[in-house]
PDB file of N, CA and C in Angstrom:
ATOM      1  N   MET A   1     112.655  82.863  94.392  1.00  0.00           N
ATOM      2  CA  MET A   1     111.470  81.963  94.284  1.00  0.00           C
ATOM      3  C   MET A   1     112.051  80.553  94.251  1.00  0.00           C
ATOM      4  N   CYS A   2     111.303  79.596  94.841  1.00  0.00           N
ATOM      5  CA  CYS A   2     111.789  78.194  94.888  1.00  0.00           C
ATOM      6  C   CYS A   2     111.606  77.476  93.645  1.00  0.00           C
ATOM      7  N   ILE A   3     112.271  76.445  93.486  1.00  0.00           N
ATOM      8  CA  ILE A   3     112.294  75.652  92.272  1.00  0.00           C
ATOM      9  C   ILE A   3     110.870  75.131  91.901  1.00  0.00           C
ATOM     10  N   PHE A   4     110.115  74.731  92.906  1.00  0.00           N
ATOM     11  CA  PHE A   4     108.773  74.134  92.742  1.00  0.00           C
ATOM     12  C   PHE A   4     107.862  75.294  92.302  1.00  0.00           C
ATOM     13  N   CYS A   5     107.975  76.507  92.843  1.00  0.00           N
ATOM     14  CA  CYS A   5     107.190  77.499  92.336  1.00  0.00           C
ATOM     15  C   CYS A   5     107.342  77.871  90.941  1.00  0.00           C
ATOM     16  N   ASN A   6     108.641  77.815  90.484  1.00  0.00           N
ATOM     17  CA  ASN A   6     108.957  77.971  89.086  1.00  0.00           C
ATOM     18  C   ASN A   6     108.240  76.896  88.212  1.00  0.00           C
ATOM     19  N   ILE A   7     108.439  75.632  88.625  1.00  0.00           N
ATOM     20  CA  ILE A   7     107.830  74.530  87.906  1.00  0.00           C
ATOM     21  C   ILE A   7     106.292  74.849  87.806  1.00  0.00           C
ATOM     22  N   ALA A   8     105.703  75.217  88.826  1.00  0.00           N
ATOM     23  CA  ALA A   8     104.283  75.354  88.801  1.00  0.00           C
ATOM     24  C   ALA A   8     103.818  76.409  87.801  1.00  0.00           C
ATOM     25  N   LYS A   9     104.690  77.289  87.538  1.00  0.00           N
ATOM     26  CA  LYS A   9     104.369  78.324  86.500  1.00  0.00           C
ATOM     27  C   LYS A   9     104.658  77.902  85.059  1.00  0.00           C
ATOM     28  N   SER A  10     105.200  76.692  84.902  1.00  0.00           N
ATOM     29  CA  SER A  10     105.630  76.247  83.538  1.00  0.00           C
ATOM     30  C   SER A  10     104.717  75.094  83.080  1.00  0.00           C
ATOM     31  N   PRO A  11     103.660  75.542  82.348  1.00  0.00           N
ATOM     32  CA  PRO A  11     102.704  74.519  81.968  1.00  0.00           C
ATOM     33  C   PRO A  11     103.175  73.278  81.152  1.00  0.00           C
ATOM     34  N   ASP A  12     104.343  73.438  80.363  1.00  0.00           N
ATOM     35  CA  ASP A  12     104.808  72.446  79.597  1.00  0.00           C
ATOM     36  C   ASP A  12     105.437  71.203  80.456  1.00  0.00           C
ATOM     37  N   SER A  13     105.838  71.458  81.753  1.00  0.00           N
ATOM     38  CA  SER A  13     106.200  70.387  82.501  1.00  0.00           C
ATOM     39  C   SER A  13     105.158  69.709  83.437  1.00  0.00           C
ATOM     40  N   LEU A  14     103.954  70.290  83.336  1.00  0.00           N
ATOM     41  CA  LEU A  14     102.865  69.786  84.128  1.00  0.00           C
ATOM     42  C   LEU A  14     102.163  68.718  83.586  1.00  0.00           C
ATOM     43  N   ILE A  15     101.653  67.692  84.519  1.00  0.00           N
ATOM     44  CA  ILE A  15     100.887  66.574  83.925  1.00  0.00           C
ATOM     45  C   ILE A  15      99.446  66.735  84.539  1.00  0.00           C
ATOM     46  N   TYR A  16      99.269  67.742  85.471  1.00  0.00           N
ATOM     47  CA  TYR A  16      98.003  68.007  86.063  1.00  0.00           C
ATOM     48  C   TYR A  16      98.086  69.449  86.549  1.00  0.00           C
ATOM     49  N   GLU A  17      96.929  70.183  86.431  1.00  0.00           N
ATOM     50  CA  GLU A  17      96.844  71.525  87.075  1.00  0.00           C
ATOM     51  C   GLU A  17      95.385  71.829  87.331  1.00  0.00           C
ATOM     52  N   ASP A  18      95.167  72.383  88.513  1.00  0.00           N
ATOM     53  CA  ASP A  18      93.777  72.972  88.806  1.00  0.00           C
ATOM     54  C   ASP A  18      94.083  74.235  89.562  1.00  0.00           C
ATOM     55  N   GLU A  19      93.072  74.799  90.189  1.00  0.00           N
ATOM     56  CA  GLU A  19      93.220  76.233  90.831  1.00  0.00           C
ATOM     57  C   GLU A  19      94.080  76.057  92.098  1.00  0.00           C
ATOM     58  N   LEU A  20      94.286  74.940  92.674  1.00  0.00           N
ATOM     59  CA  LEU A  20      95.036  74.754  93.910  1.00  0.00           C
ATOM     60  C   LEU A  20      96.342  74.055  93.823  1.00  0.00           C
ATOM     61  N   VAL A  21      96.533  73.079  92.951  1.00  0.00           N
ATOM     62  CA  VAL A  21      97.688  72.249  92.898  1.00  0.00           C
ATOM     63  C   VAL A  21      98.106  71.995  91.480  1.00  0.00           C
ATOM     64  N   VAL A  22      99.345  71.521  91.385  1.00  0.00           N
ATOM     65  CA  VAL A  22      99.893  71.052  90.042  1.00  0.00           C
ATOM     66  C   VAL A  22     100.693  69.705  90.310  1.00  0.00           C
ATOM     67  N   ALA A  23     100.824  68.977  89.263  1.00  0.00           N
ATOM     68  CA  ALA A  23     101.611  67.740  89.438  1.00  0.00           C
ATOM     69  C   ALA A  23     102.579  67.677  88.196  1.00  0.00           C
ATOM     70  N   PHE A  24     103.746  67.024  88.514  1.00  0.00           N
ATOM     71  CA  PHE A  24     104.766  66.854  87.455  1.00  0.00           C
ATOM     72  C   PHE A  24     105.572  65.655  87.842  1.00  0.00           C
ATOM     73  N   LYS A  25     106.343  65.086  86.787  1.00  0.00           N
ATOM     74  CA  LYS A  25     107.193  63.920  87.112  1.00  0.00           C
ATOM     75  C   LYS A  25     108.523  64.430  87.839  1.00  0.00           C
ATOM     76  N   ASP A  26     108.901  63.573  88.779  1.00  0.00           N
ATOM     77  CA  ASP A  26     110.078  63.804  89.413  1.00  0.00           C
ATOM     78  C   ASP A  26     111.277  63.670  88.533  1.00  0.00           C
ATOM     79  N   ILE A  27     112.223  64.637  88.669  1.00  0.00           N
ATOM     80  CA  ILE A  27     113.458  64.563  87.695  1.00  0.00           C
ATOM     81  C   ILE A  27     114.390  63.481  88.084  1.00  0.00           C
ATOM     82  N   ARG A  28     114.270  62.851  89.362  1.00  0.00           N
ATOM     83  CA  ARG A  28     115.142  61.814  89.857  1.00  0.00           C
ATOM     84  C   ARG A  28     114.251  60.730  90.327  1.00  0.00           C
ATOM     85  N   PRO A  29     113.489  60.019  89.348  1.00  0.00           N
ATOM     86  CA  PRO A  29     112.536  59.039  89.900  1.00  0.00           C
ATOM     87  C   PRO A  29     113.253  57.867  90.520  1.00  0.00           C
ATOM     88  N   ILE A  30     112.605  57.352  91.646  1.00  0.00           N
ATOM     89  CA  ILE A  30     113.142  56.100  92.362  1.00  0.00           C
ATOM     90  C   ILE A  30     112.351  54.851  91.972  1.00  0.00           C
ATOM     91  N   VAL A  31     111.278  55.093  91.258  1.00  0.00           N
ATOM     92  CA  VAL A  31     110.409  53.966  90.920  1.00  0.00           C
ATOM     93  C   VAL A  31     109.813  54.382  89.435  1.00  0.00           C
ATOM     94  N   PRO A  32     109.258  53.402  88.773  1.00  0.00           N
ATOM     95  CA  PRO A  32     108.815  53.669  87.382  1.00  0.00           C
ATOM     96  C   PRO A  32     107.766  54.874  87.406  1.00  0.00           C
ATOM     97  N   VAL A  33     106.844  54.940  88.313  1.00  0.00           N
ATOM     98  CA  VAL A  33     105.939  56.092  88.406  1.00  0.00           C
ATOM     99  C   VAL A  33     106.265  56.909  89.591  1.00  0.00           C
ATOM    100  N   HIS A  34     106.919  58.110  89.440  1.00  0.00           N
ATOM    101  CA  HIS A  34     107.285  59.004  90.471  1.00  0.00           C
ATOM    102  C   HIS A  34     106.793  60.403  90.188  1.00  0.00           C
ATOM    103  N   ILE A  35     105.714  60.852  90.750  1.00  0.00           N
ATOM    104  CA  ILE A  35     105.101  62.098  90.386  1.00  0.00           C
ATOM    105  C   ILE A  35     104.950  62.892  91.635  1.00  0.00           C
ATOM    106  N   LEU A  36     105.296  64.185  91.632  1.00  0.00           N
ATOM    107  CA  LEU A  36     105.075  65.130  92.777  1.00  0.00           C
ATOM    108  C   LEU A  36     103.894  65.935  92.561  1.00  0.00           C
ATOM    109  N   VAL A  37     103.095  66.086  93.583  1.00  0.00           N
ATOM    110  CA  VAL A  37     101.915  66.954  93.590  1.00  0.00           C
ATOM    111  C   VAL A  37     102.130  67.943  94.578  1.00  0.00           C
ATOM    112  N   ILE A  38     102.027  69.254  94.254  1.00  0.00           N
ATOM    113  CA  ILE A  38     102.348  70.293  95.090  1.00  0.00           C
ATOM    114  C   ILE A  38     101.286  71.411  95.033  1.00  0.00           C
ATOM    115  N   PRO A  39     101.074  72.133  96.188  1.00  0.00           N
ATOM    116  CA  PRO A  39     100.132  73.241  96.073  1.00  0.00           C
ATOM    117  C   PRO A  39     100.773  74.370  95.286  1.00  0.00           C
ATOM    118  N   LYS A  40      99.924  75.181  94.560  1.00  0.00           N
ATOM    119  CA  LYS A  40     100.478  76.388  93.825  1.00  0.00           C
ATOM    120  C   LYS A  40     101.000  77.359  94.745  1.00  0.00           C
ATOM    121  N   LYS A  41     100.266  77.553  95.888  1.00  0.00           N
ATOM    122  CA  LYS A  41     100.735  78.556  96.876  1.00  0.00           C
ATOM    123  C   LYS A  41     101.999  77.986  97.520  1.00  0.00           C
ATOM    124  N   HIS A  42     102.959  78.877  97.689  1.00  0.00           N
ATOM    125  CA  HIS A  42     104.123  78.403  98.334  1.00  0.00           C
ATOM    126  C   HIS A  42     103.933  78.234  99.820  1.00  0.00           C
ATOM    127  N   ILE A  43     104.099  77.031 100.282  1.00  0.00           N
ATOM    128  CA  ILE A  43     104.026  76.594 101.704  1.00  0.00           C
ATOM    129  C   ILE A  43     105.289  75.759 101.897  1.00  0.00           C
ATOM    130  N   ALA A  44     106.108  76.161 102.747  1.00  0.00           N
ATOM    131  CA  ALA A  44     107.406  75.534 102.935  1.00  0.00           C
ATOM    132  C   ALA A  44     107.319  74.093 103.398  1.00  0.00           C
ATOM    133  N   SER A  45     106.467  73.685 104.267  1.00  0.00           N
ATOM    134  CA  SER A  45     106.347  72.303 104.750  1.00  0.00           C
ATOM    135  C   SER A  45     104.985  72.081 105.464  1.00  0.00           C
ATOM    136  N   ILE A  46     104.710  70.794 105.778  1.00  0.00           N
ATOM    137  CA  ILE A  46     103.470  70.550 106.468  1.00  0.00           C
ATOM    138  C   ILE A  46     103.386  71.386 107.735  1.00  0.00           C
ATOM    139  N   ASN A  47     104.559  71.630 108.386  1.00  0.00           N
ATOM    140  CA  ASN A  47     104.497  72.453 109.577  1.00  0.00           C
ATOM    141  C   ASN A  47     103.926  73.968 109.471  1.00  0.00           C
ATOM    142  N   GLU A  48     103.941  74.392 108.119  1.00  0.00           N
ATOM    143  CA  GLU A  48     103.453  75.668 107.805  1.00  0.00           C
ATOM    144  C   GLU A  48     102.059  75.659 107.191  1.00  0.00           C
ATOM    145  N   LEU A  49     101.593  74.420 106.991  1.00  0.00           N
ATOM    146  CA  LEU A  49     100.185  74.360 106.358  1.00  0.00           C
ATOM    147  C   LEU A  49      99.219  75.032 107.300  1.00  0.00           C
ATOM    148  N   PRO A  50      98.374  75.884 106.677  1.00  0.00           N
ATOM    149  CA  PRO A  50      97.497  76.670 107.502  1.00  0.00           C
ATOM    150  C   PRO A  50      96.476  75.720 108.184  1.00  0.00           C
ATOM    151  N   ASP A  51      96.088  76.078 109.430  1.00  0.00           N
ATOM    152  CA  ASP A  51      95.025  75.433 110.151  1.00  0.00           C
ATOM    153  C   ASP A  51      93.764  75.796 109.557  1.00  0.00           C
ATOM    154  N   GLY A  52      92.796  74.901 109.722  1.00  0.00           N
ATOM    155  CA  GLY A  52      91.361  75.249 109.351  1.00  0.00           C
ATOM    156  C   GLY A  52      91.123  74.854 107.918  1.00  0.00           C
ATOM    157  N   GLU A  53      90.171  75.466 107.341  1.00  0.00           N
ATOM    158  CA  GLU A  53      89.501  75.163 106.087  1.00  0.00           C
ATOM    159  C   GLU A  53      90.590  75.182 104.963  1.00  0.00           C
ATOM    160  N   GLU A  54      91.352  76.192 104.894  1.00  0.00           N
ATOM    161  CA  GLU A  54      92.398  76.326 103.821  1.00  0.00           C
ATOM    162  C   GLU A  54      93.368  75.206 103.764  1.00  0.00           C
ATOM    163  N   GLY A  55      93.940  74.853 104.972  1.00  0.00           N
ATOM    164  CA  GLY A  55      94.847  73.773 105.064  1.00  0.00           C
ATOM    165  C   GLY A  55      94.194  72.394 104.803  1.00  0.00           C
ATOM    166  N   ASP A  56      92.993  72.172 105.214  1.00  0.00           N
ATOM    167  CA  ASP A  56      92.261  71.029 104.952  1.00  0.00           C
ATOM    168  C   ASP A  56      91.991  70.891 103.504  1.00  0.00           C
ATOM    169  N   LEU A  57      91.616  71.989 102.848  1.00  0.00           N
ATOM    170  CA  LEU A  57      91.407  71.899 101.358  1.00  0.00           C
ATOM    171  C   LEU A  57      92.696  71.467 100.583  1.00  0.00           C
ATOM    172  N   ILE A  58      93.771  72.177 100.917  1.00  0.00           N
ATOM    173  CA  ILE A  58      94.975  71.862 100.196  1.00  0.00           C
ATOM    174  C   ILE A  58      95.463  70.423 100.417  1.00  0.00           C
ATOM    175  N   ALA A  59      95.526  69.934 101.695  1.00  0.00           N
ATOM    176  CA  ALA A  59      95.852  68.640 102.019  1.00  0.00           C
ATOM    177  C   ALA A  59      95.003  67.512 101.267  1.00  0.00           C
ATOM    178  N   GLY A  60      93.725  67.833 101.378  1.00  0.00           N
ATOM    179  CA  GLY A  60      92.802  66.852 100.727  1.00  0.00           C
ATOM    180  C   GLY A  60      92.965  66.866  99.139  1.00  0.00           C
ATOM    181  N   ARG A  61      93.139  68.067  98.579  1.00  0.00           N
ATOM    182  CA  ARG A  61      93.383  68.131  97.240  1.00  0.00           C
ATOM    183  C   ARG A  61      94.639  67.388  96.715  1.00  0.00           C
ATOM    184  N   LEU A  62      95.779  67.429  97.537  1.00  0.00           N
ATOM    185  CA  LEU A  62      96.980  66.784  97.225  1.00  0.00           C
ATOM    186  C   LEU A  62      96.625  65.253  97.029  1.00  0.00           C
ATOM    187  N   ILE A  63      95.952  64.731  98.152  1.00  0.00           N
ATOM    188  CA  ILE A  63      95.713  63.297  98.069  1.00  0.00           C
ATOM    189  C   ILE A  63      94.731  62.880  97.035  1.00  0.00           C
ATOM    190  N   ASN A  64      93.645  63.609  96.722  1.00  0.00           N
ATOM    191  CA  ASN A  64      92.655  63.333  95.727  1.00  0.00           C
ATOM    192  C   ASN A  64      93.274  63.419  94.425  1.00  0.00           C
ATOM    193  N   VAL A  65      94.098  64.388  94.130  1.00  0.00           N
ATOM    194  CA  VAL A  65      94.812  64.502  92.818  1.00  0.00           C
ATOM    195  C   VAL A  65      95.747  63.323  92.602  1.00  0.00           C
ATOM    196  N   ALA A  66      96.514  62.910  93.690  1.00  0.00           N
ATOM    197  CA  ALA A  66      97.363  61.790  93.519  1.00  0.00           C
ATOM    198  C   ALA A  66      96.554  60.474  93.226  1.00  0.00           C
ATOM    199  N   LYS A  67      95.385  60.319  93.794  1.00  0.00           N
ATOM    200  CA  LYS A  67      94.522  59.160  93.529  1.00  0.00           C
ATOM    201  C   LYS A  67      94.051  59.235  92.101  1.00  0.00           C
ATOM    202  N   LYS A  68      93.729  60.360  91.454  1.00  0.00           N
ATOM    203  CA  LYS A  68      93.358  60.436  90.052  1.00  0.00           C
ATOM    204  C   LYS A  68      94.468  60.115  89.168  1.00  0.00           C
ATOM    205  N   ILE A  69      95.659  60.614  89.521  1.00  0.00           N
ATOM    206  CA  ILE A  69      96.881  60.439  88.669  1.00  0.00           C
ATOM    207  C   ILE A  69      97.224  58.926  88.647  1.00  0.00           C
ATOM    208  N   ALA A  70      97.037  58.203  89.938  1.00  0.00           N
ATOM    209  CA  ALA A  70      97.422  56.898  89.938  1.00  0.00           C
ATOM    210  C   ALA A  70      96.432  56.066  89.068  1.00  0.00           C
ATOM    211  N   GLN A  71      95.177  56.453  89.032  1.00  0.00           N
ATOM    212  CA  GLN A  71      94.296  55.777  88.153  1.00  0.00           C
ATOM    213  C   GLN A  71      94.672  55.992  86.642  1.00  0.00           C
ATOM    214  N   LYS A  72      95.008  57.193  86.288  1.00  0.00           N
ATOM    215  CA  LYS A  72      95.365  57.547  84.896  1.00  0.00           C
ATOM    216  C   LYS A  72      96.632  56.810  84.549  1.00  0.00           C
ATOM    217  N   GLU A  73      97.594  56.695  85.476  1.00  0.00           N
ATOM    218  CA  GLU A  73      98.860  55.990  85.208  1.00  0.00           C
ATOM    219  C   GLU A  73      98.768  54.428  85.243  1.00  0.00           C
ATOM    220  N   GLY A  74      97.623  53.987  85.611  1.00  0.00           N
ATOM    221  CA  GLY A  74      97.324  52.502  85.635  1.00  0.00           C
ATOM    222  C   GLY A  74      98.002  51.741  86.840  1.00  0.00           C
ATOM    223  N   ILE A  75      98.254  52.488  87.946  1.00  0.00           N
ATOM    224  CA  ILE A  75      98.864  51.875  89.074  1.00  0.00           C
ATOM    225  C   ILE A  75      97.908  51.775  90.258  1.00  0.00           C
ATOM    226  N   ALA A  76      96.688  52.310  90.129  1.00  0.00           N
ATOM    227  CA  ALA A  76      95.786  52.303  91.175  1.00  0.00           C
ATOM    228  C   ALA A  76      95.344  50.827  91.642  1.00  0.00           C
ATOM    229  N   GLU A  77      95.033  49.973  90.711  1.00  0.00           N
ATOM    230  CA  GLU A  77      94.506  48.691  91.174  1.00  0.00           C
ATOM    231  C   GLU A  77      95.454  47.891  91.881  1.00  0.00           C
ATOM    232  N   ASN A  78      96.808  47.941  91.385  1.00  0.00           N
ATOM    233  CA  ASN A  78      97.765  47.066  92.185  1.00  0.00           C
ATOM    234  C   ASN A  78      98.399  47.766  93.359  1.00  0.00           C
ATOM    235  N   GLY A  79      98.182  49.107  93.493  1.00  0.00           N
ATOM    236  CA  GLY A  79      98.679  49.813  94.663  1.00  0.00           C
ATOM    237  C   GLY A  79      99.808  50.787  94.277  1.00  0.00           C
ATOM    238  N   TYR A  80      99.969  51.725  95.328  1.00  0.00           N
ATOM    239  CA  TYR A  80     101.043  52.776  95.213  1.00  0.00           C
ATOM    240  C   TYR A  80     101.239  53.354  96.562  1.00  0.00           C
ATOM    241  N   LYS A  81     102.217  54.213  96.671  1.00  0.00           N
ATOM    242  CA  LYS A  81     102.628  54.780  97.946  1.00  0.00           C
ATOM    243  C   LYS A  81     102.592  56.180  97.863  1.00  0.00           C
ATOM    244  N   LEU A  82     102.075  56.850  98.901  1.00  0.00           N
ATOM    245  CA  LEU A  82     102.063  58.386  98.990  1.00  0.00           C
ATOM    246  C   LEU A  82     103.027  58.824 100.178  1.00  0.00           C
ATOM    247  N   LEU A  83     103.877  59.744  99.840  1.00  0.00           N
ATOM    248  CA  LEU A  83     104.895  60.167 100.857  1.00  0.00           C
ATOM    249  C   LEU A  83     104.983  61.633 100.843  1.00  0.00           C
ATOM    250  N   ILE A  84     104.883  62.223 102.125  1.00  0.00           N
ATOM    251  CA  ILE A  84     105.305  63.670 102.341  1.00  0.00           C
ATOM    252  C   ILE A  84     106.353  63.642 103.376  1.00  0.00           C
ATOM    253  N   ARG A  85     107.471  64.305 102.961  1.00  0.00           N
ATOM    254  CA  ARG A  85     108.651  64.456 103.903  1.00  0.00           C
ATOM    255  C   ARG A  85     108.531  65.903 104.529  1.00  0.00           C
ATOM    256  N   THR A  86     108.844  66.017 105.723  1.00  0.00           N
ATOM    257  CA  THR A  86     108.746  67.245 106.388  1.00  0.00           C
ATOM    258  C   THR A  86     110.124  67.556 107.281  1.00  0.00           C
ATOM    259  N   GLY A  87     110.786  68.624 106.877  1.00  0.00           N
ATOM    260  CA  GLY A  87     111.924  68.954 107.680  1.00  0.00           C
ATOM    261  C   GLY A  87     113.175  68.204 107.352  1.00  0.00           C
ATOM    262  N   ASN A  88     114.220  68.660 107.987  1.00  0.00           N
ATOM    263  CA  ASN A  88     115.557  68.063 107.792  1.00  0.00           C
ATOM    264  C   ASN A  88     115.531  66.570 108.122  1.00  0.00           C
ATOM    265  N   HIS A  89     115.007  66.204 109.313  1.00  0.00           N
ATOM    266  CA  HIS A  89     115.040  64.837 109.754  1.00  0.00           C
ATOM    267  C   HIS A  89     114.143  64.008 109.019  1.00  0.00           C
ATOM    268  N   GLY A  90     113.159  64.575 108.311  1.00  0.00           N
ATOM    269  CA  GLY A  90     112.151  63.821 107.568  1.00  0.00           C
ATOM    270  C   GLY A  90     112.715  63.683 106.052  1.00  0.00           C
ATOM    271  N   GLY A  91     113.840  64.229 105.772  1.00  0.00           N
ATOM    272  CA  GLY A  91     114.351  64.033 104.494  1.00  0.00           C
ATOM    273  C   GLY A  91     113.933  65.083 103.481  1.00  0.00           C
ATOM    274  N   GLN A  92     113.215  66.152 103.843  1.00  0.00           N
ATOM    275  CA  GLN A  92     112.675  67.109 102.916  1.00  0.00           C
ATOM    276  C   GLN A  92     113.827  67.907 102.210  1.00  0.00           C
ATOM    277  N   GLU A  93     113.905  67.788 100.952  1.00  0.00           N
ATOM    278  CA  GLU A  93     115.040  68.439 100.218  1.00  0.00           C
ATOM    279  C   GLU A  93     114.639  69.830  99.644  1.00  0.00           C
ATOM    280  N   VAL A  94     113.393  69.938  99.272  1.00  0.00           N
ATOM    281  CA  VAL A  94     112.901  71.277  98.683  1.00  0.00           C
ATOM    282  C   VAL A  94     111.920  71.870  99.624  1.00  0.00           C
ATOM    283  N   GLN A  95     112.140  73.044 100.043  1.00  0.00           N
ATOM    284  CA  GLN A  95     111.194  73.738 100.991  1.00  0.00           C
ATOM    285  C   GLN A  95     109.878  74.163 100.343  1.00  0.00           C
ATOM    286  N   HIS A  96     109.111  73.345  99.931  1.00  0.00           N
ATOM    287  CA  HIS A  96     107.783  73.515  99.380  1.00  0.00           C
ATOM    288  C   HIS A  96     107.070  72.184  99.485  1.00  0.00           C
ATOM    289  N   ILE A  97     105.877  72.220 100.200  1.00  0.00           N
ATOM    290  CA  ILE A  97     105.146  70.872 100.436  1.00  0.00           C
ATOM    291  C   ILE A  97     105.083  70.156  99.059  1.00  0.00           C
ATOM    292  N   HIS A  98     105.375  68.924  99.140  1.00  0.00           N
ATOM    293  CA  HIS A  98     105.212  68.159  97.930  1.00  0.00           C
ATOM    294  C   HIS A  98     104.936  66.652  98.324  1.00  0.00           C
ATOM    295  N   LEU A  99     103.907  66.062  97.705  1.00  0.00           N
ATOM    296  CA  LEU A  99     103.507  64.762  97.902  1.00  0.00           C
ATOM    297  C   LEU A  99     104.106  63.849  96.856  1.00  0.00           C
ATOM    298  N   HIS A 100     104.720  62.800  97.167  1.00  0.00           N
ATOM    299  CA  HIS A 100     105.341  61.820  96.179  1.00  0.00           C
ATOM    300  C   HIS A 100     104.273  60.830  95.985  1.00  0.00           C
ATOM    301  N   LEU A 101     103.880  60.583  94.739  1.00  0.00           N
ATOM    302  CA  LEU A 101     103.111  59.468  94.286  1.00  0.00           C
ATOM    303  C   LEU A 101     104.097  58.450  93.639  1.00  0.00           C
ATOM    304  N   LEU A 102     104.268  57.288  94.355  1.00  0.00           N
ATOM    305  CA  LEU A 102     105.224  56.297  94.018  1.00  0.00           C
ATOM    306  C   LEU A 102     104.570  54.975  93.589  1.00  0.00           C
ATOM    307  N   GLY A 103     104.935  54.434  92.415  1.00  0.00           N
ATOM    308  CA  GLY A 103     104.285  53.185  92.053  1.00  0.00           C
ATOM    309  C   GLY A 103     104.985  52.516  90.786  1.00  0.00           C
ATOM    310  N   GLY A 104     104.180  51.495  90.207  1.00  0.00           N
ATOM    311  CA  GLY A 104     104.724  50.974  89.120  1.00  0.00           C
ATOM    312  C   GLY A 104     105.374  49.613  89.312  1.00  0.00           C
ATOM    313  N   GLY A 105     105.244  49.081  90.380  1.00  0.00           N
ATOM    314  CA  GLY A 105     105.838  47.768  90.861  1.00  0.00           C
ATOM    315  C   GLY A 105     105.613  47.480  92.290  1.00  0.00           C
ATOM    316  N   ARG A 106     105.921  46.260  92.665  1.00  0.00           N
ATOM    317  CA  ARG A 106     105.687  45.881  94.091  1.00  0.00           C
ATOM    318  C   ARG A 106     106.711  46.693  94.995  1.00  0.00           C
ATOM    319  N   MET A 107     106.204  47.372  95.999  1.00  0.00           N
ATOM    320  CA  MET A 107     106.904  48.315  96.758  1.00  0.00           C
ATOM    321  C   MET A 107     107.440  47.478  98.080  1.00  0.00           C
ATOM    322  N   LYS A 108     108.719  47.800  98.339  1.00  0.00           N
ATOM    323  CA  LYS A 108     109.296  47.282  99.604  1.00  0.00           C
ATOM    324  C   LYS A 108     108.852  48.154 100.759  1.00  0.00           C
ATOM    325  N   GLU A 109     109.224  47.688 101.886  1.00  0.00           N
ATOM    326  CA  GLU A 109     108.805  48.446 103.162  1.00  0.00           C
ATOM    327  C   GLU A 109     109.405  49.813 103.202  1.00  0.00           C
ATOM    328  N   GLY A 110     110.613  50.041 102.772  1.00  0.00           N
ATOM    329  CA  GLY A 110     111.066  51.394 102.711  1.00  0.00           C
ATOM    330  C   GLY A 110     110.576  52.111 101.483  1.00  0.00           C
ATOM    331  N   ILE A 111     111.471  52.906 100.786  1.00  0.00           N
ATOM    332  CA  ILE A 111     111.051  53.614  99.537  1.00  0.00           C
ATOM    333  C   ILE A 111     111.724  52.897  98.358  1.00  0.00           C
ATOM    334  N   GLY A 112     110.909  52.596  97.370  1.00  0.00           N
ATOM    335  CA  GLY A 112     111.423  51.987  96.186  1.00  0.00           C
ATOM    336  C   GLY A 112     110.744  50.688  95.966  1.00  0.00           C
ATOM    337  N   LEU A 113     111.322  49.938  94.894  1.00  0.00           N
ATOM    338  CA  LEU A 113     110.742  48.654  94.669  1.00  0.00           C
ATOM    339  C   LEU A 113     111.399  47.560  95.376  1.00  0.00           C
ATOM    340  N   ALA A 114     110.637  46.440  95.545  1.00  0.00           N
ATOM    341  CA  ALA A 114     111.234  45.296  96.194  1.00  0.00           C
ATOM    342  C   ALA A 114     112.209  44.620  95.235  1.00  0.00           C
ATOM    343  N   SER A 115     113.174  44.060  95.780  1.00  0.00           N
ATOM    344  CA  SER A 115     114.195  43.299  94.808  1.00  0.00           C
ATOM    345  C   SER A 115     113.856  41.939  94.535  1.00  0.00           C
TER     346      SER A 115
END
């Protein structure tokens, strides 16, 4: 079982949970607010996201949950970044879809805070 599937089953580490997705803090944050939102169902990458209603529901839920968490964390008004990496060239390290919610300061063009 993948590490994110294990985390999804551990309520103590979750900051959000519903029937489709969970969210938790990244263990290696690159900005002050760095939260991962993942589907509960194991889907290795965006390339494996089902076509049609199920995939649309999961993808939409990831984004809507990130928006709610950004509001709760107090970063929505000033802005934040959403990032999904796919595959080796995209920098995906864990083979389970995960959306990064990044914020807590002025963002530079790449990933992280402006210096």
